[in-house]
PDB file of N, CA and C in Angstrom:
ATOM      1  N   MET A   1     -43.679  -4.872  56.650  1.00  0.00           N
ATOM      2  CA  MET A   1     -42.884  -3.571  56.141  1.00  0.00           C
ATOM      3  C   MET A   1     -41.258  -4.242  55.806  1.00  0.00           C
ATOM      4  N   ASN A   2     -41.521  -5.655  55.752  1.00  0.00           N
ATOM      5  CA  ASN A   2     -39.779  -6.099  55.464  1.00  0.00           C
ATOM      6  C   ASN A   2     -40.183  -6.142  54.247  1.00  0.00           C
ATOM      7  N   ARG A   3     -41.410  -6.523  53.167  1.00  0.00           N
ATOM      8  CA  ARG A   3     -42.082  -7.009  51.941  1.00  0.00           C
ATOM      9  C   ARG A   3     -42.203  -6.139  51.088  1.00  0.00           C
ATOM     10  N   LYS A   4     -43.251  -4.486  51.745  1.00  0.00           N
ATOM     11  CA  LYS A   4     -42.861  -3.333  50.787  1.00  0.00           C
ATOM     12  C   LYS A   4     -41.131  -3.320  50.652  1.00  0.00           C
ATOM     13  N   LYS A   5     -40.229  -3.017  51.507  1.00  0.00           N
ATOM     14  CA  LYS A   5     -39.465  -2.152  51.310  1.00  0.00           C
ATOM     15  C   LYS A   5     -38.486  -3.671  50.347  1.00  0.00           C
ATOM     16  N   LYS A   6     -38.262  -5.259  49.808  1.00  0.00           N
ATOM     17  CA  LYS A   6     -38.112  -5.539  49.299  1.00  0.00           C
ATOM     18  C   LYS A   6     -38.150  -5.585  47.976  1.00  0.00           C
ATOM     19  N   ILE A   7     -39.639  -5.379  47.614  1.00  0.00           N
ATOM     20  CA  ILE A   7     -40.563  -4.799  46.261  1.00  0.00           C
ATOM     21  C   ILE A   7     -39.871  -3.736  46.255  1.00  0.00           C
ATOM     22  N   ASN A   8     -39.761  -2.735  46.781  1.00  0.00           N
ATOM     23  CA  ASN A   8     -39.700  -1.300  46.344  1.00  0.00           C
ATOM     24  C   ASN A   8     -37.934  -1.423  45.821  1.00  0.00           C
ATOM     25  N   GLU A   9     -37.146  -1.894  46.920  1.00  0.00           N
ATOM     26  CA  GLU A   9     -35.382  -2.420  46.399  1.00  0.00           C
ATOM     27  C   GLU A   9     -35.246  -2.803  44.980  1.00  0.00           C
ATOM     28  N   THR A  10     -35.814  -4.056  44.306  1.00  0.00           N
ATOM     29  CA  THR A  10     -36.267  -4.349  43.629  1.00  0.00           C
ATOM     30  C   THR A  10     -36.693  -3.806  42.094  1.00  0.00           C
ATOM     31  N   LEU A  11     -37.715  -3.136  42.468  1.00  0.00           N
ATOM     32  CA  LEU A  11     -38.121  -2.249  41.477  1.00  0.00           C
ATOM     33  C   LEU A  11     -37.288  -0.892  41.027  1.00  0.00           C
ATOM     34  N   LYS A  12     -36.482   0.268  42.268  1.00  0.00           N
ATOM     35  CA  LYS A  12     -35.479   0.736  42.231  1.00  0.00           C
ATOM     36  C   LYS A  12     -34.237  -0.164  40.960  1.00  0.00           C
ATOM     37  N   LYS A  13     -33.871  -1.186  41.626  1.00  0.00           N
ATOM     38  CA  LYS A  13     -32.817  -1.624  41.061  1.00  0.00           C
ATOM     39  C   LYS A  13     -33.052  -2.306  39.563  1.00  0.00           C
ATOM     40  N   ARG A  14     -34.509  -2.353  39.015  1.00  0.00           N
ATOM     41  CA  ARG A  14     -35.058  -2.301  37.673  1.00  0.00           C
ATOM     42  C   ARG A  14     -34.645  -1.319  37.148  1.00  0.00           C
ATOM     43  N   ILE A  15     -35.349  -0.286  37.937  1.00  0.00           N
ATOM     44  CA  ILE A  15     -35.502   1.469  37.466  1.00  0.00           C
ATOM     45  C   ILE A  15     -33.459   1.640  36.713  1.00  0.00           C
ATOM     46  N   LYS A  16     -32.463   1.491  37.848  1.00  0.00           N
ATOM     47  CA  LYS A  16     -31.451   1.819  37.359  1.00  0.00           C
ATOM     48  C   LYS A  16     -30.977   1.223  36.366  1.00  0.00           C
ATOM     49  N   LYS A  17     -30.912  -0.243  36.689  1.00  0.00           N
ATOM     50  CA  LYS A  17     -30.107  -1.075  35.560  1.00  0.00           C
ATOM     51  C   LYS A  17     -31.046  -0.764  34.041  1.00  0.00           C
ATOM     52  N   ALA A  18     -32.219  -0.290  33.533  1.00  0.00           N
ATOM     53  CA  ALA A  18     -32.974   0.366  32.090  1.00  0.00           C
ATOM     54  C   ALA A  18     -31.766   1.239  32.451  1.00  0.00           C
ATOM     55  N   ASN A  19     -31.988   2.315  33.319  1.00  0.00           N
ATOM     56  CA  ASN A  19     -31.456   3.788  32.922  1.00  0.00           C
ATOM     57  C   ASN A  19     -29.946   3.885  32.552  1.00  0.00           C
ATOM     58  N   ALA A  20     -28.944   2.911  33.225  1.00  0.00           N
ATOM     59  CA  ALA A  20     -27.765   2.471  32.538  1.00  0.00           C
ATOM     60  C   ALA A  20     -27.722   1.975  31.488  1.00  0.00           C
ATOM     61  N   LYS A  21     -28.300   1.735  30.836  1.00  0.00           N
ATOM     62  CA  LYS A  21     -28.205   0.609  29.714  1.00  0.00           C
ATOM     63  C   LYS A  21     -28.655   1.595  28.694  1.00  0.00           C
ATOM     64  N   LEU A  22     -29.356   3.095  28.853  1.00  0.00           N
ATOM     65  CA  LEU A  22     -29.993   4.215  28.111  1.00  0.00           C
ATOM     66  C   LEU A  22     -28.837   4.685  27.881  1.00  0.00           C
ATOM     67  N   ASN A  23     -27.778   5.109  28.784  1.00  0.00           N
ATOM     68  CA  ASN A  23     -26.727   6.251  29.158  1.00  0.00           C
ATOM     69  C   ASN A  23     -25.411   5.339  28.136  1.00  0.00           C
ATOM     70  N   LYS A  24     -25.121   5.892  27.166  1.00  0.00           N
ATOM     71  CA  LYS A  24     -23.969   5.679  26.327  1.00  0.00           C
ATOM     72  C   LYS A  24     -22.558   6.012  27.471  1.00  0.00           C
ATOM     73  N   SER A  25     -21.464   4.630  27.313  1.00  0.00           N
ATOM     74  CA  SER A  25     -20.646   4.478  28.218  1.00  0.00           C
ATOM     75  C   SER A  25     -19.402   5.775  27.689  1.00  0.00           C
ATOM     76  N   THR A  26     -19.170   5.974  28.064  1.00  0.00           N
ATOM     77  CA  THR A  26     -17.960   7.135  27.767  1.00  0.00           C
ATOM     78  C   THR A  26     -16.023   6.134  27.689  1.00  0.00           C
ATOM     79  N   LYS A  27     -16.207   5.093  28.044  1.00  0.00           N
ATOM     80  CA  LYS A  27     -15.081   4.360  28.163  1.00  0.00           C
ATOM     81  C   LYS A  27     -15.043   3.653  26.870  1.00  0.00           C
ATOM     82  N   PRO A  28     -13.795   3.752  26.379  1.00  0.00           N
ATOM     83  CA  PRO A  28     -12.911   3.391  24.624  1.00  0.00           C
ATOM     84  C   PRO A  28     -13.404   1.933  24.670  1.00  0.00           C
ATOM     85  N   ARG A  29     -13.671   1.713  23.258  1.00  0.00           N
ATOM     86  CA  ARG A  29     -14.040  -0.061  23.389  1.00  0.00           C
ATOM     87  C   ARG A  29     -12.148  -0.813  23.637  1.00  0.00           C
ATOM     88  N   TYR A  30     -12.467  -1.472  23.845  1.00  0.00           N
ATOM     89  CA  TYR A  30     -11.054  -2.373  24.250  1.00  0.00           C
ATOM     90  C   TYR A  30     -10.970  -3.238  22.906  1.00  0.00           C
ATOM     91  N   ILE A  31      -9.476  -2.852  22.372  1.00  0.00           N
ATOM     92  CA  ILE A  31      -8.574  -3.581  21.615  1.00  0.00           C
ATOM     93  C   ILE A  31      -7.428  -4.110  22.090  1.00  0.00           C
ATOM     94  N   SER A  32      -8.183  -5.711  21.653  1.00  0.00           N
ATOM     95  CA  SER A  32      -6.767  -6.996  21.921  1.00  0.00           C
ATOM     96  C   SER A  32      -5.612  -6.583  21.534  1.00  0.00           C
ATOM     97  N   LYS A  33      -4.783  -7.162  22.381  1.00  0.00           N
ATOM     98  CA  LYS A  33      -2.827  -6.758  21.935  1.00  0.00           C
ATOM     99  C   LYS A  33      -2.934  -7.198  20.196  1.00  0.00           C
ATOM    100  N   ALA A  34      -2.737  -8.284  19.639  1.00  0.00           N
ATOM    101  CA  ALA A  34      -3.039  -8.402  18.519  1.00  0.00           C
ATOM    102  C   ALA A  34      -3.601  -7.856  17.551  1.00  0.00           C
ATOM    103  N   GLU A  35      -4.786  -7.315  17.559  1.00  0.00           N
ATOM    104  CA  GLU A  35      -4.971  -5.980  17.200  1.00  0.00           C
ATOM    105  C   GLU A  35      -5.104  -4.756  17.314  1.00  0.00           C
ATOM    106  N   ARG A  36      -4.249  -4.068  17.722  1.00  0.00           N
ATOM    107  CA  ARG A  36      -2.900  -3.228  18.185  1.00  0.00           C
ATOM    108  C   ARG A  36      -1.741  -3.346  17.338  1.00  0.00           C
ATOM    109  N   ALA A  37      -1.246  -4.941  17.300  1.00  0.00           N
ATOM    110  CA  ALA A  37      -0.313  -4.818  16.332  1.00  0.00           C
ATOM    111  C   ALA A  37      -0.092  -4.726  14.995  1.00  0.00           C
ATOM    112  N   THR A  38      -1.415  -5.432  14.248  1.00  0.00           N
ATOM    113  CA  THR A  38      -2.241  -5.458  13.274  1.00  0.00           C
ATOM    114  C   THR A  38      -2.500  -3.647  12.770  1.00  0.00           C
ATOM    115  N   LEU A  39      -3.025  -3.567  13.061  1.00  0.00           N
ATOM    116  CA  LEU A  39      -3.308  -1.662  12.865  1.00  0.00           C
ATOM    117  C   LEU A  39      -1.827  -0.762  13.052  1.00  0.00           C
ATOM    118  N   ASP A  40      -0.926  -0.659  14.084  1.00  0.00           N
ATOM    119  CA  ASP A  40       0.725  -0.347  13.907  1.00  0.00           C
ATOM    120  C   ASP A  40       0.881  -1.039  12.655  1.00  0.00           C
ATOM    121  N   ASP A  41       1.180  -2.315  11.856  1.00  0.00           N
ATOM    122  CA  ASP A  41       1.612  -2.538  10.773  1.00  0.00           C
ATOM    123  C   ASP A  41       1.073  -1.814   9.866  1.00  0.00           C
ATOM    124  N   GLU A  42      -0.303  -1.720   9.900  1.00  0.00           N
ATOM    125  CA  GLU A  42      -0.854  -1.132   8.653  1.00  0.00           C
ATOM    126  C   GLU A  42      -0.678   0.033   8.762  1.00  0.00           C
ATOM    127  N   ALA A  43      -0.390   1.027   9.955  1.00  0.00           N
ATOM    128  CA  ALA A  43       0.375   2.235   9.808  1.00  0.00           C
ATOM    129  C   ALA A  43       1.410   2.705   9.348  1.00  0.00           C
ATOM    130  N   ALA A  44       2.078   1.283   9.802  1.00  0.00           N
ATOM    131  CA  ALA A  44       4.048   1.575   8.971  1.00  0.00           C
ATOM    132  C   ALA A  44       3.264   1.446   8.137  1.00  0.00           C
ATOM    133  N   LEU A  45       3.070   1.025   7.358  1.00  0.00           N
ATOM    134  CA  LEU A  45       2.883   0.422   6.055  1.00  0.00           C
ATOM    135  C   LEU A  45       2.855   1.700   5.392  1.00  0.00           C
ATOM    136  N   VAL A  46       1.397   2.610   5.313  1.00  0.00           N
ATOM    137  CA  VAL A  46       0.701   3.587   5.277  1.00  0.00           C
ATOM    138  C   VAL A  46       1.638   5.064   5.122  1.00  0.00           C
ATOM    139  N   THR A  47       2.553   5.002   6.143  1.00  0.00           N
ATOM    140  CA  THR A  47       3.819   6.063   6.360  1.00  0.00           C
ATOM    141  C   THR A  47       4.957   5.370   5.472  1.00  0.00           C
ATOM    142  N   GLU A  48       4.922   4.358   5.102  1.00  0.00           N
ATOM    143  CA  GLU A  48       6.014   4.358   3.776  1.00  0.00           C
ATOM    144  C   GLU A  48       5.609   4.209   2.820  1.00  0.00           C
ATOM    145  N   THR A  49       4.645   4.055   2.597  1.00  0.00           N
ATOM    146  CA  THR A  49       3.695   4.585   1.086  1.00  0.00           C
ATOM    147  C   THR A  49       3.580   5.884   0.882  1.00  0.00           C
ATOM    148  N   VAL A  50       3.318   6.833   2.164  1.00  0.00           N
ATOM    149  CA  VAL A  50       3.561   8.108   1.681  1.00  0.00           C
ATOM    150  C   VAL A  50       5.047   8.884   1.602  1.00  0.00           C
ATOM    151  N   ASP A  51       5.716   8.431   2.654  1.00  0.00           N
ATOM    152  CA  ASP A  51       7.155   9.043   2.301  1.00  0.00           C
ATOM    153  C   ASP A  51       7.593   8.460   0.752  1.00  0.00           C
ATOM    154  N   ALA A  52       7.716   7.620   0.218  1.00  0.00           N
ATOM    155  CA  ALA A  52       7.864   6.775  -1.141  1.00  0.00           C
ATOM    156  C   ALA A  52       7.413   7.837  -1.867  1.00  0.00           C
ATOM    157  N   THR A  53       5.555   7.831  -1.983  1.00  0.00           N
ATOM    158  CA  THR A  53       5.652   8.486  -3.049  1.00  0.00           C
ATOM    159  C   THR A  53       5.918  10.009  -2.860  1.00  0.00           C
ATOM    160  N   SER A  54       5.887  10.712  -1.379  1.00  0.00           N
ATOM    161  CA  SER A  54       6.565  12.433  -1.515  1.00  0.00           C
ATOM    162  C   SER A  54       7.718  12.019  -2.253  1.00  0.00           C
ATOM    163  N   GLU A  55       9.109  10.898  -2.051  1.00  0.00           N
ATOM    164  CA  GLU A  55       9.842  11.578  -2.360  1.00  0.00           C
ATOM    165  C   GLU A  55      10.196  10.988  -3.857  1.00  0.00           C
ATOM    166  N   THR A  56       9.041  10.460  -4.941  1.00  0.00           N
ATOM    167  CA  THR A  56       9.125   9.842  -6.038  1.00  0.00           C
ATOM    168  C   THR A  56       8.348  11.723  -6.199  1.00  0.00           C
ATOM    169  N   ILE A  57       8.104  12.424  -5.641  1.00  0.00           N
ATOM    170  CA  ILE A  57       7.354  13.548  -5.875  1.00  0.00           C
ATOM    171  C   ILE A  57       8.500  14.739  -6.083  1.00  0.00           C
ATOM    172  N   THR A  58       9.410  14.647  -4.974  1.00  0.00           N
ATOM    173  CA  THR A  58       9.726  15.900  -4.780  1.00  0.00           C
ATOM    174  C   THR A  58      11.320  15.402  -6.107  1.00  0.00           C
ATOM    175  N   ASP A  59      11.137  13.743  -6.058  1.00  0.00           N
ATOM    176  CA  ASP A  59      12.495  13.754  -7.328  1.00  0.00           C
ATOM    177  C   ASP A  59      12.162  13.920  -8.278  1.00  0.00           C
ATOM    178  N   SER A  60      10.938  13.863  -9.073  1.00  0.00           N
ATOM    179  CA  SER A  60      10.138  14.194 -10.187  1.00  0.00           C
ATOM    180  C   SER A  60      10.331  16.355 -10.082  1.00  0.00           C
ATOM    181  N   GLU A  61       9.893  16.379  -9.471  1.00  0.00           N
ATOM    182  CA  GLU A  61      10.336  18.284  -9.333  1.00  0.00           C
ATOM    183  C   GLU A  61      11.538  18.867  -9.655  1.00  0.00           C
ATOM    184  N   ILE A  62      12.315  17.931  -8.987  1.00  0.00           N
ATOM    185  CA  ILE A  62      13.739  18.701  -9.638  1.00  0.00           C
ATOM    186  C   ILE A  62      14.390  18.358 -10.159  1.00  0.00           C
ATOM    187  N   GLU A  63      13.705  17.087 -11.216  1.00  0.00           N
ATOM    188  CA  GLU A  63      14.330  17.113 -12.364  1.00  0.00           C
ATOM    189  C   GLU A  63      13.492  18.250 -13.212  1.00  0.00           C
ATOM    190  N   SER A  64      12.326  18.251 -13.261  1.00  0.00           N
ATOM    191  CA  SER A  64      12.006  19.431 -14.150  1.00  0.00           C
ATOM    192  C   SER A  64      12.330  20.365 -14.335  1.00  0.00           C
ATOM    193  N   THR A  65      12.728  21.015 -12.832  1.00  0.00           N
ATOM    194  CA  THR A  65      13.204  22.133 -12.442  1.00  0.00           C
ATOM    195  C   THR A  65      14.601  22.178 -13.593  1.00  0.00           C
ATOM    196  N   VAL A  66      15.428  21.122 -13.254  1.00  0.00           N
ATOM    197  CA  VAL A  66      16.859  21.261 -14.256  1.00  0.00           C
ATOM    198  C   VAL A  66      16.433  21.062 -15.612  1.00  0.00           C
ATOM    199  N   ASN A  67      15.383  20.215 -16.136  1.00  0.00           N
ATOM    200  CA  ASN A  67      15.347  20.133 -17.401  1.00  0.00           C
ATOM    201  C   ASN A  67      14.847  22.074 -18.024  1.00  0.00           C
TER     202      ASN A  67
END
């Protein structure tokens, strides 16, 4: 009886592992601290450039309305 039980347990474990591999994980991918810092720096640069371009656009619009 023990031999049959042991075989069934190992087969069930294999099936369980195979099913776990097929299912996608809902857990987000890990991002290291250094990678997060670089992403934050890039985001800051993008916002600075957007702010600078919006300022130049408003300045040019003001000049065109004045002229």
